[in-house]
Amino acid sequence: MTPYDERTWGADMDLFLQRLFDALTNGSTYALIAVAMVLIFKATTLINFAQGEQAMLGAFIVLQLWKWGIPMWGAVVIGMVFSGILAACLERTFIRKFDPADHLPLVIITLGLFLVINAVAAIIWRFDPLSFPQLFPSGRAVTIGNARLSWYSIFAFGSCLLVLFVLQTLLTKTKIGLAFRAVSSNLESSRLCGIKIGQTLQFGWALAAAAGTLGASIYAANPVLQIEPTIMLRALIFSITAAALGGLDSLWGALIGGLTIGFVQSVVVQYIPFIPNEMTLAAAVVVLLIVLTFRPSGFLGTKTVERV
């Protein structure tokens, strides 16, 4: 039987199924992190480059709480709350002072936060890889031939769907959610209608940070990974690509984009002999460029309407 790490053009169906399962696993985690980036972009049309480091810090907080004896899912909830409060404070201290329409200083600030948060995590937890506790049952849930779908993959995908349904309900059925959608649609009109722009954007930052912490915790809980301060760098790049692919203002587009990137990484690259595994990111970017050439707004993104 062909080993799972050997390239093949599909003679081994077990290998193909295993790579599909891997694509589901990777795509779900990328989508969870991409959702956090979409929330910020919806409100500010800004990419928060510190999003991955905020999520990484939240995952470290979860790990620390677990070490202090708090049950794992309780630690995740507390970590999400901590991340939300921290993001709200960062927005109030560093972001709100600037004009939301002027992106250059905001991009510089988020890049600065990226470096500071990464340095703080490195000082506290060092760069030694640490084992992250499992969030889901271990072992395989489904076996088809020699292809194994793990419980981790199923619950990671289910968690992504649950987060999307919760966010969709929050943004469409609550007052603060409607205010957030109004601000993301038209900043000036929302201000004229009496919506408190600052507090609404602060809510968006807190919500994105909490979602990011959940995504980072699930990502770090992958049995093949260990957590350390640079764990989110590669995942963040794939997640940004997934968000752009699905549409930077579409929550469900983040899921489609994440699954697409997971498929490219785990299936497409593995079946094209002249693309080495080290070029996985480049292959994902090429797919992004092809899609955006024909659909500049992504799969589910809102098309820009300009008055002429």
C-alpha atoms as a PDB file:
ATOM      1  CA  MET A   1       0.000   0.000   0.000  1.00  0.00           C
ATOM      2  CA  THR A   2       1.258   3.506  -0.795  1.00  0.00           C
ATOM      3  CA  PRO A   3       2.546   5.390   2.275  1.00  0.00           C
ATOM      4  CA  TYR A   4       0.627   8.518   3.175  1.00  0.00           C
ATOM      5  CA  ASP A   5       3.588  10.811   2.603  1.00  0.00           C
ATOM      6  CA  GLU A   6       4.214   9.612  -0.968  1.00  0.00           C
ATOM      7  CA  ARG A   7       2.941  11.689  -3.877  1.00  0.00           C
ATOM      8  CA  THR A   8       0.480   9.908  -6.153  1.00  0.00           C
ATOM      9  CA  TRP A   9      -2.045  10.812  -8.826  1.00  0.00           C
ATOM     10  CA  GLY A  10      -4.962   9.076  -7.137  1.00  0.00           C
ATOM     11  CA  ALA A  11      -4.248   5.356  -7.484  1.00  0.00           C
ATOM     12  CA  ASP A  12      -4.686   5.017  -3.755  1.00  0.00           C
ATOM     13  CA  MET A  13      -8.184   6.144  -2.736  1.00  0.00           C
ATOM     14  CA  ASP A  14      -7.311   5.784   0.938  1.00  0.00           C
ATOM     15  CA  LEU A  15      -4.579   8.363   0.516  1.00  0.00           C
ATOM     16  CA  PHE A  16      -6.946  10.728  -1.277  1.00  0.00           C
ATOM     17  CA  LEU A  17      -9.580  10.407   1.463  1.00  0.00           C
ATOM     18  CA  GLN A  18      -6.968  10.981   4.153  1.00  0.00           C
ATOM     19  CA  ARG A  19      -5.868  14.168   2.467  1.00  0.00           C
ATOM     20  CA  LEU A  20      -9.485  15.309   2.218  1.00  0.00           C
ATOM     21  CA  PHE A  21      -9.838  14.718   5.954  1.00  0.00           C
ATOM     22  CA  ASP A  22      -6.650  16.704   6.554  1.00  0.00           C
ATOM     23  CA  ALA A  23      -8.047  19.497   4.369  1.00  0.00           C
ATOM     24  CA  LEU A  24     -11.182  19.609   6.547  1.00  0.00           C
ATOM     25  CA  THR A  25      -9.058  19.850   9.686  1.00  0.00           C
ATOM     26  CA  ASN A  26      -6.750  22.587   8.420  1.00  0.00           C
ATOM     27  CA  GLY A  27      -9.509  24.506   6.678  1.00  0.00           C
ATOM     28  CA  SER A  28     -11.691  24.613   9.798  1.00  0.00           C
ATOM     29  CA  THR A  29      -8.944  26.100  11.952  1.00  0.00           C
ATOM     30  CA  TYR A  30      -8.002  28.660   9.283  1.00  0.00           C
ATOM     31  CA  ALA A  31     -11.669  29.625   8.965  1.00  0.00           C
ATOM     32  CA  LEU A  32     -12.025  30.190  12.718  1.00  0.00           C
ATOM     33  CA  ILE A  33      -9.130  32.630  12.717  1.00  0.00           C
ATOM     34  CA  ALA A  34     -10.314  34.231   9.456  1.00  0.00           C
ATOM     35  CA  VAL A  35     -13.706  34.934  11.054  1.00  0.00           C
ATOM     36  CA  ALA A  36     -12.000  37.165  13.620  1.00  0.00           C
ATOM     37  CA  MET A  37     -10.276  39.127  10.855  1.00  0.00           C
ATOM     38  CA  VAL A  38     -13.545  39.502   8.940  1.00  0.00           C
ATOM     39  CA  LEU A  39     -15.237  41.031  11.987  1.00  0.00           C
ATOM     40  CA  ILE A  40     -12.606  43.774  12.194  1.00  0.00           C
ATOM     41  CA  PHE A  41     -12.655  44.377   8.454  1.00  0.00           C
ATOM     42  CA  LYS A  42     -16.454  44.614   8.372  1.00  0.00           C
ATOM     43  CA  ALA A  43     -16.361  47.514  10.822  1.00  0.00           C
ATOM     44  CA  THR A  44     -13.191  49.348   9.791  1.00  0.00           C
ATOM     45  CA  THR A  45     -12.143  47.986   6.351  1.00  0.00           C
ATOM     46  CA  LEU A  46      -8.839  47.364   8.117  1.00  0.00           C
ATOM     47  CA  ILE A  47      -6.751  44.188   8.378  1.00  0.00           C
ATOM     48  CA  ASN A  48      -5.670  43.783  12.008  1.00  0.00           C
ATOM     49  CA  PHE A  49      -2.168  42.347  11.695  1.00  0.00           C
ATOM     50  CA  ALA A  50      -2.049  41.800  15.459  1.00  0.00           C
ATOM     51  CA  GLN A  51      -5.052  39.470  15.339  1.00  0.00           C
ATOM     52  CA  GLY A  52      -2.954  36.320  15.295  1.00  0.00           C
ATOM     53  CA  GLU A  53      -0.791  37.448  18.221  1.00  0.00           C
ATOM     54  CA  GLN A  54      -3.842  38.437  20.242  1.00  0.00           C
ATOM     55  CA  ALA A  55      -5.227  34.952  19.609  1.00  0.00           C
ATOM     56  CA  MET A  56      -1.872  33.374  20.520  1.00  0.00           C
ATOM     57  CA  LEU A  57      -1.758  35.322  23.798  1.00  0.00           C
ATOM     58  CA  GLY A  58      -5.299  34.200  24.566  1.00  0.00           C
ATOM     59  CA  ALA A  59      -4.316  30.565  23.949  1.00  0.00           C
ATOM     60  CA  PHE A  60      -1.379  30.934  26.347  1.00  0.00           C
ATOM     61  CA  ILE A  61      -3.753  32.360  28.960  1.00  0.00           C
ATOM     62  CA  VAL A  62      -5.983  29.310  28.449  1.00  0.00           C
ATOM     63  CA  LEU A  63      -2.984  27.027  28.941  1.00  0.00           C
ATOM     64  CA  GLN A  64      -1.941  28.874  32.103  1.00  0.00           C
ATOM     65  CA  LEU A  65      -5.441  28.734  33.574  1.00  0.00           C
ATOM     66  CA  TRP A  66      -5.545  24.994  32.897  1.00  0.00           C
ATOM     67  CA  LYS A  67      -2.235  24.573  34.723  1.00  0.00           C
ATOM     68  CA  TRP A  68      -3.774  26.375  37.706  1.00  0.00           C
ATOM     69  CA  GLY A  69      -6.483  23.722  37.883  1.00  0.00           C
ATOM     70  CA  ILE A  70      -9.349  25.271  35.937  1.00  0.00           C
ATOM     71  CA  PRO A  71     -11.205  22.762  33.692  1.00  0.00           C
ATOM     72  CA  MET A  72     -10.170  23.098  30.068  1.00  0.00           C
ATOM     73  CA  TRP A  73     -13.370  24.494  28.595  1.00  0.00           C
ATOM     74  CA  GLY A  74     -13.756  26.800  31.576  1.00  0.00           C
ATOM     75  CA  ALA A  75     -10.245  28.054  30.874  1.00  0.00           C
ATOM     76  CA  VAL A  76     -11.188  28.623  27.225  1.00  0.00           C
ATOM     77  CA  VAL A  77     -14.218  30.728  28.188  1.00  0.00           C
ATOM     78  CA  ILE A  78     -12.195  32.785  30.674  1.00  0.00           C
ATOM     79  CA  GLY A  79      -9.440  33.182  28.085  1.00  0.00           C
ATOM     80  CA  MET A  80     -11.978  34.459  25.555  1.00  0.00           C
ATOM     81  CA  VAL A  81     -13.321  36.979  28.066  1.00  0.00           C
ATOM     82  CA  PHE A  82      -9.777  38.104  28.926  1.00  0.00           C
ATOM     83  CA  SER A  83      -8.911  38.508  25.246  1.00  0.00           C
ATOM     84  CA  GLY A  84     -12.082  40.492  24.618  1.00  0.00           C
ATOM     85  CA  ILE A  85     -11.372  42.865  27.495  1.00  0.00           C
ATOM     86  CA  LEU A  86      -7.749  43.289  26.415  1.00  0.00           C
ATOM     87  CA  ALA A  87      -8.786  44.016  22.818  1.00  0.00           C
ATOM     88  CA  ALA A  88     -11.376  46.537  24.026  1.00  0.00           C
ATOM     89  CA  CYS A  89      -8.672  48.293  26.053  1.00  0.00           C
ATOM     90  CA  LEU A  90      -6.278  48.305  23.089  1.00  0.00           C
ATOM     91  CA  GLU A  91      -8.959  49.757  20.839  1.00  0.00           C
ATOM     92  CA  ARG A  92      -9.775  52.488  23.370  1.00  0.00           C
ATOM     93  CA  THR A  93      -6.120  53.335  24.012  1.00  0.00           C
ATOM     94  CA  PHE A  94      -4.480  53.089  20.596  1.00  0.00           C
ATOM     95  CA  ILE A  95      -7.089  52.860  17.846  1.00  0.00           C
ATOM     96  CA  ARG A  96      -9.936  55.239  18.678  1.00  0.00           C
ATOM     97  CA  LYS A  97      -7.739  58.325  18.626  1.00  0.00           C
ATOM     98  CA  PHE A  98      -7.277  58.029  14.874  1.00  0.00           C
ATOM     99  CA  ASP A  99      -9.664  58.593  12.006  1.00  0.00           C
ATOM    100  CA  PRO A 100     -11.059  55.180  10.949  1.00  0.00           C
ATOM    101  CA  ALA A 101     -10.805  56.289   7.318  1.00  0.00           C
ATOM    102  CA  ASP A 102      -7.053  56.913   7.623  1.00  0.00           C
ATOM    103  CA  HIS A 103      -5.645  53.394   7.430  1.00  0.00           C
ATOM    104  CA  LEU A 104      -1.897  54.061   7.393  1.00  0.00           C
ATOM    105  CA  PRO A 105      -1.453  54.920  11.104  1.00  0.00           C
ATOM    106  CA  LEU A 106      -3.832  52.119  12.083  1.00  0.00           C
ATOM    107  CA  VAL A 107      -1.849  49.560  10.075  1.00  0.00           C
ATOM    108  CA  ILE A 108       1.373  50.772  11.720  1.00  0.00           C
ATOM    109  CA  ILE A 109      -0.243  50.487  15.160  1.00  0.00           C
ATOM    110  CA  THR A 110      -1.455  46.929  14.552  1.00  0.00           C
ATOM    111  CA  LEU A 111       2.001  45.943  13.324  1.00  0.00           C
ATOM    112  CA  GLY A 112       3.476  47.472  16.474  1.00  0.00           C
ATOM    113  CA  LEU A 113       0.984  45.559  18.622  1.00  0.00           C
ATOM    114  CA  PHE A 114       1.983  42.406  16.737  1.00  0.00           C
ATOM    115  CA  LEU A 115       5.625  42.868  17.797  1.00  0.00           C
ATOM    116  CA  VAL A 116       4.836  43.884  21.376  1.00  0.00           C
ATOM    117  CA  ILE A 117       2.424  41.019  22.086  1.00  0.00           C
ATOM    118  CA  ASN A 118       4.808  38.494  20.567  1.00  0.00           C
ATOM    119  CA  ALA A 119       7.662  39.832  22.713  1.00  0.00           C
ATOM    120  CA  VAL A 120       5.538  39.732  25.878  1.00  0.00           C
ATOM    121  CA  ALA A 121       4.553  36.111  25.213  1.00  0.00           C
ATOM    122  CA  ALA A 122       8.202  35.197  24.557  1.00  0.00           C
ATOM    123  CA  ILE A 123       9.318  36.849  27.815  1.00  0.00           C
ATOM    124  CA  ILE A 124       6.677  35.076  29.909  1.00  0.00           C
ATOM    125  CA  TRP A 125       6.524  31.623  28.283  1.00  0.00           C
ATOM    126  CA  ARG A 126       9.829  31.548  26.352  1.00  0.00           C
ATOM    127  CA  PHE A 127      10.177  29.840  22.984  1.00  0.00           C
ATOM    128  CA  ASP A 128      10.183  26.276  24.289  1.00  0.00           C
ATOM    129  CA  PRO A 129       7.270  24.373  22.681  1.00  0.00           C
ATOM    130  CA  LEU A 130       4.625  23.378  25.226  1.00  0.00           C
ATOM    131  CA  SER A 131       1.982  20.680  24.952  1.00  0.00           C
ATOM    132  CA  PHE A 132      -1.536  22.079  24.757  1.00  0.00           C
ATOM    133  CA  PRO A 133      -4.306  20.055  26.436  1.00  0.00           C
ATOM    134  CA  GLN A 134      -6.836  18.337  24.202  1.00  0.00           C
ATOM    135  CA  LEU A 135     -10.206  20.015  23.847  1.00  0.00           C
ATOM    136  CA  PHE A 136     -11.955  17.143  22.091  1.00  0.00           C
ATOM    137  CA  PRO A 137     -12.031  13.352  22.418  1.00  0.00           C
ATOM    138  CA  SER A 138      -8.921  11.671  21.107  1.00  0.00           C
ATOM    139  CA  GLY A 139      -8.758   8.909  18.534  1.00  0.00           C
ATOM    140  CA  ARG A 140     -10.505   8.299  15.251  1.00  0.00           C
ATOM    141  CA  ALA A 141     -14.223   8.705  14.712  1.00  0.00           C
ATOM    142  CA  VAL A 142     -14.557   7.297  11.197  1.00  0.00           C
ATOM    143  CA  THR A 143     -12.339   4.810   9.387  1.00  0.00           C
ATOM    144  CA  ILE A 144     -12.694   4.223   5.650  1.00  0.00           C
ATOM    145  CA  GLY A 145     -10.102   1.736   4.511  1.00  0.00           C
ATOM    146  CA  ASN A 146      -6.903   3.162   5.912  1.00  0.00           C
ATOM    147  CA  ALA A 147      -8.165   6.761   5.952  1.00  0.00           C
ATOM    148  CA  ARG A 148      -8.972   8.032   9.429  1.00  0.00           C
ATOM    149  CA  LEU A 149     -11.214  10.968  10.318  1.00  0.00           C
ATOM    150  CA  SER A 150     -10.417  12.009  13.880  1.00  0.00           C
ATOM    151  CA  TRP A 151     -12.750  13.404  16.485  1.00  0.00           C
ATOM    152  CA  TYR A 152     -10.581  16.509  16.470  1.00  0.00           C
ATOM    153  CA  SER A 153     -11.429  17.152  12.808  1.00  0.00           C
ATOM    154  CA  ILE A 154     -15.157  16.685  13.373  1.00  0.00           C
ATOM    155  CA  PHE A 155     -15.319  18.908  16.436  1.00  0.00           C
ATOM    156  CA  ALA A 156     -13.071  21.579  14.883  1.00  0.00           C
ATOM    157  CA  PHE A 157     -15.439  21.831  11.908  1.00  0.00           C
ATOM    158  CA  GLY A 158     -18.471  21.744  14.200  1.00  0.00           C
ATOM    159  CA  SER A 159     -16.992  24.493  16.371  1.00  0.00           C
ATOM    160  CA  CYS A 160     -16.486  26.640  13.288  1.00  0.00           C
ATOM    161  CA  LEU A 161     -20.117  26.199  12.261  1.00  0.00           C
ATOM    162  CA  LEU A 162     -21.299  26.937  15.808  1.00  0.00           C
ATOM    163  CA  VAL A 163     -19.251  30.149  16.000  1.00  0.00           C
ATOM    164  CA  LEU A 164     -20.630  31.308  12.658  1.00  0.00           C
ATOM    165  CA  PHE A 165     -24.239  30.631  13.712  1.00  0.00           C
ATOM    166  CA  VAL A 166     -23.719  32.445  17.040  1.00  0.00           C
ATOM    167  CA  LEU A 167     -22.110  35.458  15.353  1.00  0.00           C
ATOM    168  CA  GLN A 168     -24.786  35.556  12.656  1.00  0.00           C
ATOM    169  CA  THR A 169     -27.499  35.541  15.328  1.00  0.00           C
ATOM    170  CA  LEU A 170     -25.693  38.157  17.401  1.00  0.00           C
ATOM    171  CA  LEU A 171     -25.270  40.507  14.450  1.00  0.00           C
ATOM    172  CA  THR A 172     -28.830  40.160  13.161  1.00  0.00           C
ATOM    173  CA  LYS A 173     -30.954  39.735  16.302  1.00  0.00           C
ATOM    174  CA  THR A 174     -29.419  42.059  18.912  1.00  0.00           C
ATOM    175  CA  LYS A 175     -29.299  45.836  19.218  1.00  0.00           C
ATOM    176  CA  ILE A 176     -25.510  46.029  19.475  1.00  0.00           C
ATOM    177  CA  GLY A 177     -25.222  43.658  16.518  1.00  0.00           C
ATOM    178  CA  LEU A 178     -27.480  45.848  14.376  1.00  0.00           C
ATOM    179  CA  ALA A 179     -25.446  48.899  15.404  1.00  0.00           C
ATOM    180  CA  PHE A 180     -22.289  47.064  14.387  1.00  0.00           C
ATOM    181  CA  ARG A 181     -23.750  46.244  10.990  1.00  0.00           C
ATOM    182  CA  ALA A 182     -24.827  49.859  10.539  1.00  0.00           C
ATOM    183  CA  VAL A 183     -21.338  51.138  11.326  1.00  0.00           C
ATOM    184  CA  SER A 184     -19.794  48.602   8.970  1.00  0.00           C
ATOM    185  CA  SER A 185     -22.207  49.712   6.238  1.00  0.00           C
ATOM    186  CA  ASN A 186     -21.826  53.492   6.539  1.00  0.00           C
ATOM    187  CA  LEU A 187     -19.786  55.180   9.234  1.00  0.00           C
ATOM    188  CA  GLU A 188     -21.011  58.747   8.731  1.00  0.00           C
ATOM    189  CA  SER A 189     -24.685  57.829   8.426  1.00  0.00           C
ATOM    190  CA  SER A 190     -24.422  55.774  11.616  1.00  0.00           C
ATOM    191  CA  ARG A 191     -22.915  58.738  13.454  1.00  0.00           C
ATOM    192  CA  LEU A 192     -25.730  60.990  12.244  1.00  0.00           C
ATOM    193  CA  CYS A 193     -28.282  58.422  13.458  1.00  0.00           C
ATOM    194  CA  GLY A 194     -26.880  58.678  16.980  1.00  0.00           C
ATOM    195  CA  ILE A 195     -24.958  55.397  17.069  1.00  0.00           C
ATOM    196  CA  LYS A 196     -21.914  55.569  19.335  1.00  0.00           C
ATOM    197  CA  ILE A 197     -19.207  54.735  16.841  1.00  0.00           C
ATOM    198  CA  GLY A 198     -16.374  54.290  19.332  1.00  0.00           C
ATOM    199  CA  GLN A 199     -18.190  51.843  21.596  1.00  0.00           C
ATOM    200  CA  THR A 200     -19.524  49.896  18.629  1.00  0.00           C
ATOM    201  CA  LEU A 201     -16.070  49.461  17.111  1.00  0.00           C
ATOM    202  CA  GLN A 202     -14.765  48.522  20.557  1.00  0.00           C
ATOM    203  CA  PHE A 203     -17.397  45.791  20.704  1.00  0.00           C
ATOM    204  CA  GLY A 204     -16.216  44.528  17.321  1.00  0.00           C
ATOM    205  CA  TRP A 205     -12.590  44.367  18.488  1.00  0.00           C
ATOM    206  CA  ALA A 206     -13.582  42.495  21.652  1.00  0.00           C
ATOM    207  CA  LEU A 207     -15.760  40.051  19.732  1.00  0.00           C
ATOM    208  CA  ALA A 208     -13.018  39.390  17.177  1.00  0.00           C
ATOM    209  CA  ALA A 209     -10.428  38.789  19.897  1.00  0.00           C
ATOM    210  CA  ALA A 210     -12.688  36.329  21.704  1.00  0.00           C
ATOM    211  CA  ALA A 211     -13.362  34.426  18.476  1.00  0.00           C
ATOM    212  CA  GLY A 212      -9.646  34.462  17.685  1.00  0.00           C
ATOM    213  CA  THR A 213      -8.772  33.008  21.081  1.00  0.00           C
ATOM    214  CA  LEU A 214     -11.197  30.148  20.516  1.00  0.00           C
ATOM    215  CA  GLY A 215      -9.677  29.538  17.087  1.00  0.00           C
ATOM    216  CA  ALA A 216      -6.110  29.629  18.433  1.00  0.00           C
ATOM    217  CA  SER A 217      -7.013  27.250  21.269  1.00  0.00           C
ATOM    218  CA  ILE A 218      -8.512  24.753  18.829  1.00  0.00           C
ATOM    219  CA  TYR A 219      -5.542  25.173  16.491  1.00  0.00           C
ATOM    220  CA  ALA A 220      -3.024  24.623  19.327  1.00  0.00           C
ATOM    221  CA  ALA A 221      -5.006  21.587  20.545  1.00  0.00           C
ATOM    222  CA  ASN A 222      -4.163  19.748  17.323  1.00  0.00           C
ATOM    223  CA  PRO A 223      -2.330  16.607  18.486  1.00  0.00           C
ATOM    224  CA  VAL A 224       0.505  17.211  15.998  1.00  0.00           C
ATOM    225  CA  LEU A 225       1.215  20.750  17.235  1.00  0.00           C
ATOM    226  CA  GLN A 226       2.717  22.387  20.315  1.00  0.00           C
ATOM    227  CA  ILE A 227       2.179  25.956  21.406  1.00  0.00           C
ATOM    228  CA  GLU A 228       4.945  28.567  21.352  1.00  0.00           C
ATOM    229  CA  PRO A 229       5.018  32.328  20.609  1.00  0.00           C
ATOM    230  CA  THR A 230       5.352  31.923  16.837  1.00  0.00           C
ATOM    231  CA  ILE A 231       2.639  29.294  16.441  1.00  0.00           C
ATOM    232  CA  MET A 232       0.174  31.665  14.791  1.00  0.00           C
ATOM    233  CA  LEU A 233       2.487  33.198  12.186  1.00  0.00           C
ATOM    234  CA  ARG A 234       1.920  30.584   9.485  1.00  0.00           C
ATOM    235  CA  ALA A 235      -1.740  30.091  10.425  1.00  0.00           C
ATOM    236  CA  LEU A 236      -2.311  33.855  10.278  1.00  0.00           C
ATOM    237  CA  ILE A 237      -1.008  34.072   6.713  1.00  0.00           C
ATOM    238  CA  PHE A 238      -3.259  31.218   5.593  1.00  0.00           C
ATOM    239  CA  SER A 239      -6.175  32.776   7.479  1.00  0.00           C
ATOM    240  CA  ILE A 240      -5.697  36.186   5.844  1.00  0.00           C
ATOM    241  CA  THR A 241      -5.628  34.437   2.477  1.00  0.00           C
ATOM    242  CA  ALA A 242      -8.783  32.510   3.407  1.00  0.00           C
ATOM    243  CA  ALA A 243     -10.569  35.703   4.487  1.00  0.00           C
ATOM    244  CA  ALA A 244      -9.657  37.461   1.235  1.00  0.00           C
ATOM    245  CA  LEU A 245     -10.665  34.423  -0.795  1.00  0.00           C
ATOM    246  CA  GLY A 246     -14.085  34.112   0.802  1.00  0.00           C
ATOM    247  CA  GLY A 247     -14.716  37.861   0.932  1.00  0.00           C
ATOM    248  CA  LEU A 248     -13.264  40.139   3.592  1.00  0.00           C
ATOM    249  CA  ASP A 249     -16.706  41.229   4.785  1.00  0.00           C
ATOM    250  CA  SER A 250     -18.411  37.821   4.733  1.00  0.00           C
ATOM    251  CA  LEU A 251     -18.484  35.531   7.778  1.00  0.00           C
ATOM    252  CA  TRP A 252     -19.605  32.501   5.798  1.00  0.00           C
ATOM    253  CA  GLY A 253     -17.105  33.407   3.111  1.00  0.00           C
ATOM    254  CA  ALA A 254     -14.386  32.894   5.740  1.00  0.00           C
ATOM    255  CA  LEU A 255     -15.523  29.277   6.096  1.00  0.00           C
ATOM    256  CA  ILE A 256     -15.516  28.694   2.333  1.00  0.00           C
ATOM    257  CA  GLY A 257     -12.142  30.408   2.009  1.00  0.00           C
ATOM    258  CA  GLY A 258     -10.671  28.410   4.887  1.00  0.00           C
ATOM    259  CA  LEU A 259     -11.836  25.099   3.452  1.00  0.00           C
ATOM    260  CA  THR A 260     -10.512  26.103   0.035  1.00  0.00           C
ATOM    261  CA  ILE A 261      -7.075  26.928   1.438  1.00  0.00           C
ATOM    262  CA  GLY A 262      -7.110  23.677   3.406  1.00  0.00           C
ATOM    263  CA  PHE A 263      -7.932  21.786   0.193  1.00  0.00           C
ATOM    264  CA  VAL A 264      -5.119  23.512  -1.708  1.00  0.00           C
ATOM    265  CA  GLN A 265      -2.643  22.820   1.089  1.00  0.00           C
ATOM    266  CA  SER A 266      -3.551  19.195   1.779  1.00  0.00           C
ATOM    267  CA  VAL A 267      -4.757  17.925  -1.595  1.00  0.00           C
ATOM    268  CA  VAL A 268      -3.833  20.080  -4.589  1.00  0.00           C
ATOM    269  CA  VAL A 269      -0.189  20.653  -3.672  1.00  0.00           C
ATOM    270  CA  GLN A 270       0.256  16.974  -2.796  1.00  0.00           C
ATOM    271  CA  TYR A 271      -0.953  15.859  -6.238  1.00  0.00           C
ATOM    272  CA  ILE A 272       1.140  18.234  -8.347  1.00  0.00           C
ATOM    273  CA  PRO A 273       4.643  16.753  -8.504  1.00  0.00           C
ATOM    274  CA  PHE A 274       6.513  19.931  -9.428  1.00  0.00           C
ATOM    275  CA  ILE A 275       5.206  21.912  -6.415  1.00  0.00           C
ATOM    276  CA  PRO A 276       7.287  21.155  -3.278  1.00  0.00           C
ATOM    277  CA  ASN A 277       5.616  21.171   0.125  1.00  0.00           C
ATOM    278  CA  GLU A 278       7.581  24.304   1.013  1.00  0.00           C
ATOM    279  CA  MET A 279       5.623  26.155  -1.689  1.00  0.00           C
ATOM    280  CA  THR A 280       2.222  25.500  -0.095  1.00  0.00           C
ATOM    281  CA  LEU A 281       1.745  29.140   0.845  1.00  0.00           C
ATOM    282  CA  ALA A 282       2.751  30.306  -2.620  1.00  0.00           C
ATOM    283  CA  ALA A 283       0.222  27.903  -4.160  1.00  0.00           C
ATOM    284  CA  ALA A 284      -2.511  29.302  -1.897  1.00  0.00           C
ATOM    285  CA  VAL A 285      -1.621  32.848  -2.946  1.00  0.00           C
ATOM    286  CA  VAL A 286      -1.742  31.849  -6.629  1.00  0.00           C
ATOM    287  CA  VAL A 287      -5.241  30.436  -6.109  1.00  0.00           C
ATOM    288  CA  LEU A 288      -6.197  33.683  -4.360  1.00  0.00           C
ATOM    289  CA  LEU A 289      -4.920  35.771  -7.279  1.00  0.00           C
ATOM    290  CA  ILE A 290      -6.802  33.637  -9.793  1.00  0.00           C
ATOM    291  CA  VAL A 291     -10.083  33.927  -7.870  1.00  0.00           C
ATOM    292  CA  LEU A 292      -9.736  37.666  -7.226  1.00  0.00           C
ATOM    293  CA  THR A 293      -8.981  38.253 -10.911  1.00  0.00           C
ATOM    294  CA  PHE A 294     -12.489  37.066 -11.778  1.00  0.00           C
ATOM    295  CA  ARG A 295     -14.204  37.960  -8.473  1.00  0.00           C
ATOM    296  CA  PRO A 296     -12.382  40.897  -6.830  1.00  0.00           C
ATOM    297  CA  SER A 297     -14.718  40.755  -3.840  1.00  0.00           C
ATOM    298  CA  GLY A 298     -14.076  37.051  -3.192  1.00  0.00           C
ATOM    299  CA  PHE A 299     -16.573  34.198  -3.205  1.00  0.00           C
ATOM    300  CA  LEU A 300     -19.198  35.845  -0.977  1.00  0.00           C
ATOM    301  CA  GLY A 301     -17.845  39.357  -0.485  1.00  0.00           C
ATOM    302  CA  THR A 302     -19.993  42.436  -1.153  1.00  0.00           C
ATOM    303  CA  LYS A 303     -19.339  43.942  -4.546  1.00  0.00           C
ATOM    304  CA  THR A 304     -18.190  47.555  -4.464  1.00  0.00           C
ATOM    305  CA  VAL A 305     -20.626  49.968  -6.061  1.00  0.00           C
ATOM    306  CA  GLU A 306     -19.151  53.257  -7.250  1.00  0.00           C
ATOM    307  CA  ARG A 307     -21.088  56.319  -8.354  1.00  0.00           C
ATOM    308  CA  VAL A 308     -19.937  57.649 -11.719  1.00  0.00           C
END
